[in-house]
Amino acid sequence: MAAAGGAALIAVVGRLAGLVPAAGIWVVVAAGFLGALAESAANDLGRRFGFKLDHEFANAMNTFAGAAIAAEIWLSLAKSGLYLPLEG
């Protein structure tokens, strides 16, 4: 719930600052939540395999995953289909 609430807060602030279009609010919320979920999954895998992710790496991974997910969603919507960056 905290990840979804934080992502929603970031989306609203981005919208109020003029950085996020109205149609993109849900993209920011979904990407933020899924980025946080990716960090949790990586931490869990680390625990299972006996290594610990340091805090800076986990934050960077969370940010990168969220940004990649947001880009994929937004570009897929613009294309009206799944965006695959390797298409020729």
PDB file of N, CA and C in Angstrom:
ATOM      1  N   MET A   1       0.830  -1.192   0.000  1.00  0.00           N
ATOM      2  CA  MET A   1       0.000   0.000   0.000  1.00  0.00           C
ATOM      3  C   MET A   1       0.870   1.250   0.000  1.00  0.00           C
ATOM      4  N   ALA A   2       1.982   1.202   0.720  1.00  0.00           N
ATOM      5  CA  ALA A   2       2.859   2.365   0.784  1.00  0.00           C
ATOM      6  C   ALA A   2       3.461   2.663  -0.586  1.00  0.00           C
ATOM      7  N   ALA A   3       3.836   1.632  -1.338  1.00  0.00           N
ATOM      8  CA  ALA A   3       4.407   1.842  -2.669  1.00  0.00           C
ATOM      9  C   ALA A   3       3.377   2.458  -3.604  1.00  0.00           C
ATOM     10  N   ALA A   4       2.154   1.973  -3.563  1.00  0.00           N
ATOM     11  CA  ALA A   4       1.096   2.526  -4.411  1.00  0.00           C
ATOM     12  C   ALA A   4       0.775   3.964  -4.006  1.00  0.00           C
ATOM     13  N   GLY A   5       0.723   4.224  -2.705  1.00  0.00           N
ATOM     14  CA  GLY A   5       0.455   5.583  -2.235  1.00  0.00           C
ATOM     15  C   GLY A   5       1.569   6.546  -2.605  1.00  0.00           C
ATOM     16  N   GLY A   6       2.817   6.106  -2.461  1.00  0.00           N
ATOM     17  CA  GLY A   6       3.949   6.955  -2.839  1.00  0.00           C
ATOM     18  C   GLY A   6       3.965   7.240  -4.328  1.00  0.00           C
ATOM     19  N   ALA A   7       3.683   6.223  -5.129  1.00  0.00           N
ATOM     20  CA  ALA A   7       3.641   6.413  -6.581  1.00  0.00           C
ATOM     21  C   ALA A   7       2.516   7.370  -6.971  1.00  0.00           C
ATOM     22  N   ALA A   8       1.376   7.249  -6.313  1.00  0.00           N
ATOM     23  CA  ALA A   8       0.254   8.153  -6.597  1.00  0.00           C
ATOM     24  C   ALA A   8       0.606   9.592  -6.217  1.00  0.00           C
ATOM     25  N   LEU A   9       1.279   9.762  -5.091  1.00  0.00           N
ATOM     26  CA  LEU A   9       1.690  11.099  -4.669  1.00  0.00           C
ATOM     27  C   LEU A   9       2.663  11.713  -5.675  1.00  0.00           C
ATOM     28  N   ILE A  10       3.631  10.942  -6.135  1.00  0.00           N
ATOM     29  CA  ILE A  10       4.581  11.424  -7.136  1.00  0.00           C
ATOM     30  C   ILE A  10       3.846  11.796  -8.425  1.00  0.00           C
ATOM     31  N   ALA A  11       2.873  10.983  -8.833  1.00  0.00           N
ATOM     32  CA  ALA A  11       2.111  11.265 -10.049  1.00  0.00           C
ATOM     33  C   ALA A  11       1.338  12.570  -9.929  1.00  0.00           C
ATOM     34  N   VAL A  12       0.701  12.784  -8.791  1.00  0.00           N
ATOM     35  CA  VAL A  12      -0.080  14.014  -8.591  1.00  0.00           C
ATOM     36  C   VAL A  12       0.834  15.236  -8.564  1.00  0.00           C
ATOM     37  N   VAL A  13       1.955  15.131  -7.874  1.00  0.00           N
ATOM     38  CA  VAL A  13       2.899  16.251  -7.830  1.00  0.00           C
ATOM     39  C   VAL A  13       3.454  16.528  -9.230  1.00  0.00           C
ATOM     40  N   GLY A  14       3.762  15.486  -9.966  1.00  0.00           N
ATOM     41  CA  GLY A  14       4.223  15.654 -11.345  1.00  0.00           C
ATOM     42  C   GLY A  14       3.180  16.317 -12.223  1.00  0.00           C
ATOM     43  N   ARG A  15       1.931  15.959 -12.012  1.00  0.00           N
ATOM     44  CA  ARG A  15       0.840  16.575 -12.783  1.00  0.00           C
ATOM     45  C   ARG A  15       0.696  18.050 -12.424  1.00  0.00           C
ATOM     46  N   LEU A  16       0.733  18.354 -11.129  1.00  0.00           N
ATOM     47  CA  LEU A  16       0.600  19.747 -10.690  1.00  0.00           C
ATOM     48  C   LEU A  16       1.771  20.604 -11.159  1.00  0.00           C
ATOM     49  N   ALA A  17       2.947  20.007 -11.286  1.00  0.00           N
ATOM     50  CA  ALA A  17       4.126  20.734 -11.757  1.00  0.00           C
ATOM     51  C   ALA A  17       4.167  20.828 -13.280  1.00  0.00           C
ATOM     52  N   GLY A  18       3.230  20.176 -13.956  1.00  0.00           N
ATOM     53  CA  GLY A  18       3.183  20.217 -15.413  1.00  0.00           C
ATOM     54  C   GLY A  18       4.139  19.241 -16.083  1.00  0.00           C
ATOM     55  N   LEU A  19       4.672  18.289 -15.348  1.00  0.00           N
ATOM     56  CA  LEU A  19       5.617  17.323 -15.903  1.00  0.00           C
ATOM     57  C   LEU A  19       4.945  16.063 -16.424  1.00  0.00           C
ATOM     58  N   VAL A  20       3.747  15.793 -15.949  1.00  0.00           N
ATOM     59  CA  VAL A  20       3.024  14.577 -16.332  1.00  0.00           C
ATOM     60  C   VAL A  20       1.685  14.986 -16.940  1.00  0.00           C
ATOM     61  N   PRO A  21       1.398  14.536 -18.173  1.00  0.00           N
ATOM     62  CA  PRO A  21       0.082  14.834 -18.734  1.00  0.00           C
ATOM     63  C   PRO A  21      -1.008  14.081 -17.966  1.00  0.00           C
ATOM     64  N   ALA A  22      -2.219  14.588 -18.045  1.00  0.00           N
ATOM     65  CA  ALA A  22      -3.329  13.970 -17.300  1.00  0.00           C
ATOM     66  C   ALA A  22      -3.473  12.491 -17.636  1.00  0.00           C
ATOM     67  N   ALA A  23      -3.295  12.143 -18.906  1.00  0.00           N
ATOM     68  CA  ALA A  23      -3.435  10.744 -19.317  1.00  0.00           C
ATOM     69  C   ALA A  23      -2.301   9.868 -18.796  1.00  0.00           C
ATOM     70  N   GLY A  24      -1.206  10.487 -18.340  1.00  0.00           N
ATOM     71  CA  GLY A  24      -0.054   9.720 -17.896  1.00  0.00           C
ATOM     72  C   GLY A  24       0.001   9.452 -16.408  1.00  0.00           C
ATOM     73  N   ILE A  25      -0.966   9.960 -15.658  1.00  0.00           N
ATOM     74  CA  ILE A  25      -0.928   9.770 -14.211  1.00  0.00           C
ATOM     75  C   ILE A  25      -0.935   8.286 -13.857  1.00  0.00           C
ATOM     76  N   TRP A  26      -1.802   7.524 -14.478  1.00  0.00           N
ATOM     77  CA  TRP A  26      -1.873   6.100 -14.136  1.00  0.00           C
ATOM     78  C   TRP A  26      -0.605   5.361 -14.567  1.00  0.00           C
ATOM     79  N   VAL A  27       0.082   5.851 -15.612  1.00  0.00           N
ATOM     80  CA  VAL A  27       1.339   5.231 -16.037  1.00  0.00           C
ATOM     81  C   VAL A  27       2.396   5.407 -14.945  1.00  0.00           C
ATOM     82  N   VAL A  28       2.459   6.614 -14.372  1.00  0.00           N
ATOM     83  CA  VAL A  28       3.423   6.881 -13.296  1.00  0.00           C
ATOM     84  C   VAL A  28       3.113   6.015 -12.076  1.00  0.00           C
ATOM     85  N   VAL A  29       1.835   5.906 -11.736  1.00  0.00           N
ATOM     86  CA  VAL A  29       1.455   5.095 -10.572  1.00  0.00           C
ATOM     87  C   VAL A  29       1.814   3.623 -10.807  1.00  0.00           C
ATOM     88  N   ALA A  30       1.473   3.093 -11.961  1.00  0.00           N
ATOM     89  CA  ALA A  30       1.761   1.687 -12.256  1.00  0.00           C
ATOM     90  C   ALA A  30       3.262   1.430 -12.286  1.00  0.00           C
ATOM     91  N   ALA A  31       4.015   2.303 -12.939  1.00  0.00           N
ATOM     92  CA  ALA A  31       5.457   2.109 -13.049  1.00  0.00           C
ATOM     93  C   ALA A  31       6.137   2.248 -11.691  1.00  0.00           C
ATOM     94  N   GLY A  32       5.718   3.199 -10.891  1.00  0.00           N
ATOM     95  CA  GLY A  32       6.294   3.361  -9.554  1.00  0.00           C
ATOM     96  C   GLY A  32       6.033   2.152  -8.675  1.00  0.00           C
ATOM     97  N   PHE A  33       4.807   1.664  -8.722  1.00  0.00           N
ATOM     98  CA  PHE A  33       4.461   0.485  -7.925  1.00  0.00           C
ATOM     99  C   PHE A  33       5.238  -0.739  -8.390  1.00  0.00           C
ATOM    100  N   LEU A  34       5.304  -0.953  -9.704  1.00  0.00           N
ATOM    101  CA  LEU A  34       6.013  -2.124 -10.228  1.00  0.00           C
ATOM    102  C   LEU A  34       7.517  -2.019 -10.006  1.00  0.00           C
ATOM    103  N   GLY A  35       8.070  -0.802 -10.028  1.00  0.00           N
ATOM    104  CA  GLY A  35       9.487  -0.623  -9.707  1.00  0.00           C
ATOM    105  C   GLY A  35       9.776  -1.014  -8.267  1.00  0.00           C
ATOM    106  N   ALA A  36       8.900  -0.616  -7.352  1.00  0.00           N
ATOM    107  CA  ALA A  36       9.061  -0.994  -5.948  1.00  0.00           C
ATOM    108  C   ALA A  36       8.909  -2.502  -5.773  1.00  0.00           C
ATOM    109  N   LEU A  37       7.999  -3.099  -6.527  1.00  0.00           N
ATOM    110  CA  LEU A  37       7.815  -4.545  -6.478  1.00  0.00           C
ATOM    111  C   LEU A  37       9.063  -5.266  -6.992  1.00  0.00           C
ATOM    112  N   ALA A  38       9.698  -4.714  -8.035  1.00  0.00           N
ATOM    113  CA  ALA A  38      10.926  -5.314  -8.564  1.00  0.00           C
ATOM    114  C   ALA A  38      12.031  -5.277  -7.509  1.00  0.00           C
ATOM    115  N   GLU A  39      12.129  -4.174  -6.775  1.00  0.00           N
ATOM    116  CA  GLU A  39      13.131  -4.084  -5.707  1.00  0.00           C
ATOM    117  C   GLU A  39      12.865  -5.131  -4.626  1.00  0.00           C
ATOM    118  N   SER A  40      11.612  -5.291  -4.250  1.00  0.00           N
ATOM    119  CA  SER A  40      11.268  -6.294  -3.238  1.00  0.00           C
ATOM    120  C   SER A  40      11.613  -7.698  -3.718  1.00  0.00           C
ATOM    121  N   ALA A  41      11.335  -7.981  -4.986  1.00  0.00           N
ATOM    122  CA  ALA A  41      11.651  -9.302  -5.538  1.00  0.00           C
ATOM    123  C   ALA A  41      13.158  -9.533  -5.544  1.00  0.00           C
ATOM    124  N   ALA A  42      13.938  -8.518  -5.905  1.00  0.00           N
ATOM    125  CA  ALA A  42      15.391  -8.656  -5.919  1.00  0.00           C
ATOM    126  C   ALA A  42      15.930  -8.879  -4.508  1.00  0.00           C
ATOM    127  N   ASN A  43      15.389  -8.145  -3.534  1.00  0.00           N
ATOM    128  CA  ASN A  43      15.819  -8.349  -2.144  1.00  0.00           C
ATOM    129  C   ASN A  43      15.479  -9.757  -1.660  1.00  0.00           C
ATOM    130  N   ASP A  44      14.306 -10.247  -2.031  1.00  0.00           N
ATOM    131  CA  ASP A  44      13.914 -11.598  -1.631  1.00  0.00           C
ATOM    132  C   ASP A  44      14.821 -12.642  -2.276  1.00  0.00           C
ATOM    133  N   LEU A  45      15.116 -12.469  -3.556  1.00  0.00           N
ATOM    134  CA  LEU A  45      16.027 -13.407  -4.220  1.00  0.00           C
ATOM    135  C   LEU A  45      17.407 -13.367  -3.573  1.00  0.00           C
ATOM    136  N   GLY A  46      17.847 -12.168  -3.201  1.00  0.00           N
ATOM    137  CA  GLY A  46      19.135 -12.040  -2.527  1.00  0.00           C
ATOM    138  C   GLY A  46      19.173 -12.812  -1.225  1.00  0.00           C
ATOM    139  N   ARG A  47      18.107 -12.698  -0.456  1.00  0.00           N
ATOM    140  CA  ARG A  47      18.039 -13.443   0.803  1.00  0.00           C
ATOM    141  C   ARG A  47      18.051 -14.952   0.563  1.00  0.00           C
ATOM    142  N   ARG A  48      17.352 -15.388  -0.454  1.00  0.00           N
ATOM    143  CA  ARG A  48      17.280 -16.830  -0.744  1.00  0.00           C
ATOM    144  C   ARG A  48      18.623 -17.390  -1.190  1.00  0.00           C
ATOM    145  N   PHE A  49      19.404 -16.567  -1.909  1.00  0.00           N
ATOM    146  CA  PHE A  49      20.688 -17.044  -2.422  1.00  0.00           C
ATOM    147  C   PHE A  49      21.875 -16.579  -1.587  1.00  0.00           C
ATOM    148  N   GLY A  50      21.604 -15.965  -0.447  1.00  0.00           N
ATOM    149  CA  GLY A  50      22.655 -15.657   0.507  1.00  0.00           C
ATOM    150  C   GLY A  50      23.466 -14.395   0.245  1.00  0.00           C
ATOM    151  N   PHE A  51      22.925 -13.430  -0.476  1.00  0.00           N
ATOM    152  CA  PHE A  51      23.635 -12.161  -0.617  1.00  0.00           C
ATOM    153  C   PHE A  51      22.681 -11.017  -0.295  1.00  0.00           C
ATOM    154  N   LYS A  52      23.257  -9.897   0.043  1.00  0.00           N
ATOM    155  CA  LYS A  52      22.449  -8.749   0.434  1.00  0.00           C
ATOM    156  C   LYS A  52      22.723  -7.596  -0.520  1.00  0.00           C
ATOM    157  N   LEU A  53      21.663  -7.027  -1.082  1.00  0.00           N
ATOM    158  CA  LEU A  53      21.812  -5.852  -1.941  1.00  0.00           C
ATOM    159  C   LEU A  53      22.066  -4.634  -1.067  1.00  0.00           C
ATOM    160  N   ASP A  54      23.035  -3.812  -1.460  1.00  0.00           N
ATOM    161  CA  ASP A  54      23.220  -2.607  -0.663  1.00  0.00           C
ATOM    162  C   ASP A  54      22.127  -1.595  -1.022  1.00  0.00           C
ATOM    163  N   HIS A  55      21.933  -0.651  -0.135  1.00  0.00           N
ATOM    164  CA  HIS A  55      20.822   0.295  -0.230  1.00  0.00           C
ATOM    165  C   HIS A  55      20.875   1.122  -1.520  1.00  0.00           C
ATOM    166  N   GLU A  56      22.064   1.585  -1.889  1.00  0.00           N
ATOM    167  CA  GLU A  56      22.196   2.414  -3.086  1.00  0.00           C
ATOM    168  C   GLU A  56      21.853   1.631  -4.350  1.00  0.00           C
ATOM    169  N   PHE A  57      22.302   0.376  -4.409  1.00  0.00           N
ATOM    170  CA  PHE A  57      21.981  -0.448  -5.569  1.00  0.00           C
ATOM    171  C   PHE A  57      20.482  -0.709  -5.656  1.00  0.00           C
ATOM    172  N   ALA A  58      19.866  -1.000  -4.523  1.00  0.00           N
ATOM    173  CA  ALA A  58      18.427  -1.271  -4.521  1.00  0.00           C
ATOM    174  C   ALA A  58      17.644  -0.040  -4.984  1.00  0.00           C
ATOM    175  N   ASN A  59      18.041   1.145  -4.543  1.00  0.00           N
ATOM    176  CA  ASN A  59      17.369   2.370  -4.984  1.00  0.00           C
ATOM    177  C   ASN A  59      17.553   2.601  -6.483  1.00  0.00           C
ATOM    178  N   ALA A  60      18.768   2.390  -6.968  1.00  0.00           N
ATOM    179  CA  ALA A  60      19.028   2.576  -8.394  1.00  0.00           C
ATOM    180  C   ALA A  60      18.236   1.576  -9.230  1.00  0.00           C
ATOM    181  N   MET A  61      18.181   0.331  -8.768  1.00  0.00           N
ATOM    182  CA  MET A  61      17.433  -0.684  -9.493  1.00  0.00           C
ATOM    183  C   MET A  61      15.936  -0.356  -9.525  1.00  0.00           C
ATOM    184  N   ASN A  62      15.418   0.090  -8.401  1.00  0.00           N
ATOM    185  CA  ASN A  62      14.011   0.486  -8.304  1.00  0.00           C
ATOM    186  C   ASN A  62      13.709   1.599  -9.303  1.00  0.00           C
ATOM    187  N   THR A  63      14.566   2.614  -9.345  1.00  0.00           N
ATOM    188  CA  THR A  63      14.372   3.746 -10.255  1.00  0.00           C
ATOM    189  C   THR A  63      14.475   3.301 -11.705  1.00  0.00           C
ATOM    190  N   PHE A  64      15.472   2.494 -12.028  1.00  0.00           N
ATOM    191  CA  PHE A  64      15.644   2.030 -13.398  1.00  0.00           C
ATOM    192  C   PHE A  64      14.462   1.173 -13.845  1.00  0.00           C
ATOM    193  N   ALA A  65      14.031   0.255 -12.986  1.00  0.00           N
ATOM    194  CA  ALA A  65      12.892  -0.603 -13.339  1.00  0.00           C
ATOM    195  C   ALA A  65      11.636   0.227 -13.554  1.00  0.00           C
ATOM    196  N   GLY A  66      11.369   1.172 -12.667  1.00  0.00           N
ATOM    197  CA  GLY A  66      10.196   2.028 -12.823  1.00  0.00           C
ATOM    198  C   GLY A  66      10.237   2.839 -14.107  1.00  0.00           C
ATOM    199  N   ALA A  67      11.411   3.404 -14.426  1.00  0.00           N
ATOM    200  CA  ALA A  67      11.548   4.202 -15.650  1.00  0.00           C
ATOM    201  C   ALA A  67      11.373   3.336 -16.890  1.00  0.00           C
ATOM    202  N   ALA A  68      11.955   2.144 -16.886  1.00  0.00           N
ATOM    203  CA  ALA A  68      11.816   1.244 -18.037  1.00  0.00           C
ATOM    204  C   ALA A  68      10.368   0.801 -18.221  1.00  0.00           C
ATOM    205  N   ILE A  69       9.695   0.527 -17.134  1.00  0.00           N
ATOM    206  CA  ILE A  69       8.283   0.127 -17.210  1.00  0.00           C
ATOM    207  C   ILE A  69       7.429   1.286 -17.719  1.00  0.00           C
ATOM    208  N   ALA A  70       7.674   2.490 -17.216  1.00  0.00           N
ATOM    209  CA  ALA A  70       6.913   3.661 -17.675  1.00  0.00           C
ATOM    210  C   ALA A  70       7.129   3.903 -19.165  1.00  0.00           C
ATOM    211  N   ALA A  71       8.370   3.789 -19.619  1.00  0.00           N
ATOM    212  CA  ALA A  71       8.663   3.982 -21.045  1.00  0.00           C
ATOM    213  C   ALA A  71       7.959   2.938 -21.896  1.00  0.00           C
ATOM    214  N   GLU A  72       7.992   1.690 -21.450  1.00  0.00           N
ATOM    215  CA  GLU A  72       7.336   0.619 -22.206  1.00  0.00           C
ATOM    216  C   GLU A  72       5.831   0.846 -22.305  1.00  0.00           C
ATOM    217  N   ILE A  73       5.209   1.198 -21.191  1.00  0.00           N
ATOM    218  CA  ILE A  73       3.760   1.439 -21.207  1.00  0.00           C
ATOM    219  C   ILE A  73       3.430   2.602 -22.133  1.00  0.00           C
ATOM    220  N   TRP A  74       4.140   3.729 -21.967  1.00  0.00           N
ATOM    221  CA  TRP A  74       3.837   4.939 -22.745  1.00  0.00           C
ATOM    222  C   TRP A  74       4.067   4.710 -24.232  1.00  0.00           C
ATOM    223  N   LEU A  75       5.183   4.068 -24.605  1.00  0.00           N
ATOM    224  CA  LEU A  75       5.477   3.826 -26.014  1.00  0.00           C
ATOM    225  C   LEU A  75       4.525   2.787 -26.607  1.00  0.00           C
ATOM    226  N   SER A  76       4.111   1.807 -25.824  1.00  0.00           N
ATOM    227  CA  SER A  76       3.135   0.829 -26.314  1.00  0.00           C
ATOM    228  C   SER A  76       1.778   1.478 -26.558  1.00  0.00           C
ATOM    229  N   LEU A  77       1.390   2.413 -25.692  1.00  0.00           N
ATOM    230  CA  LEU A  77       0.137   3.131 -25.909  1.00  0.00           C
ATOM    231  C   LEU A  77       0.211   3.996 -27.156  1.00  0.00           C
ATOM    232  N   ALA A  78       1.353   4.662 -27.364  1.00  0.00           N
ATOM    233  CA  ALA A  78       1.512   5.511 -28.544  1.00  0.00           C
ATOM    234  C   ALA A  78       1.483   4.686 -29.822  1.00  0.00           C
ATOM    235  N   LYS A  79       2.001   3.473 -29.772  1.00  0.00           N
ATOM    236  CA  LYS A  79       2.045   2.586 -30.947  1.00  0.00           C
ATOM    237  C   LYS A  79       0.750   1.820 -31.125  1.00  0.00           C
ATOM    238  N   SER A  80      -0.090   1.772 -30.100  1.00  0.00           N
ATOM    239  CA  SER A  80      -1.318   0.957 -30.101  1.00  0.00           C
ATOM    240  C   SER A  80      -1.000  -0.525 -30.183  1.00  0.00           C
ATOM    241  N   GLY A  81       0.075  -0.902 -29.576  1.00  0.00           N
ATOM    242  CA  GLY A  81       0.496  -2.299 -29.531  1.00  0.00           C
ATOM    243  C   GLY A  81       1.758  -2.384 -28.701  1.00  0.00           C
ATOM    244  N   LEU A  82       2.238  -3.590 -28.520  1.00  0.00           N
ATOM    245  CA  LEU A  82       3.435  -3.790 -27.708  1.00  0.00           C
ATOM    246  C   LEU A  82       4.641  -3.167 -28.398  1.00  0.00           C
ATOM    247  N   TYR A  83       5.331  -2.301 -27.681  1.00  0.00           N
ATOM    248  CA  TYR A  83       6.549  -1.677 -28.214  1.00  0.00           C
ATOM    249  C   TYR A  83       7.723  -2.587 -27.926  1.00  0.00           C
ATOM    250  N   LEU A  84       8.430  -2.955 -28.969  1.00  0.00           N
ATOM    251  CA  LEU A  84       9.645  -3.757 -28.832  1.00  0.00           C
ATOM    252  C   LEU A  84      10.799  -2.934 -29.393  1.00  0.00           C
ATOM    253  N   PRO A  85      11.746  -2.513 -28.558  1.00  0.00           N
ATOM    254  CA  PRO A  85      12.797  -1.621 -29.016  1.00  0.00           C
ATOM    255  C   PRO A  85      13.724  -2.219 -30.074  1.00  0.00           C
ATOM    256  N   LEU A  86      13.700  -3.505 -30.269  1.00  0.00           N
ATOM    257  CA  LEU A  86      14.595  -4.133 -31.247  1.00  0.00           C
ATOM    258  C   LEU A  86      13.966  -4.295 -32.620  1.00  0.00           C
ATOM    259  N   GLU A  87      12.745  -3.765 -32.798  1.00  0.00           N
ATOM    260  CA  GLU A  87      12.090  -3.883 -34.102  1.00  0.00           C
ATOM    261  C   GLU A  87      12.839  -3.062 -35.141  1.00  0.00           C
ATOM    262  N   GLY A  88      12.860  -3.553 -36.359  1.00  0.00           N
ATOM    263  CA  GLY A  88      13.593  -2.862 -37.431  1.00  0.00           C
ATOM    264  C   GLY A  88      12.778  -1.926 -38.219  1.00  0.00           C
TER     265      GLY A  88
END
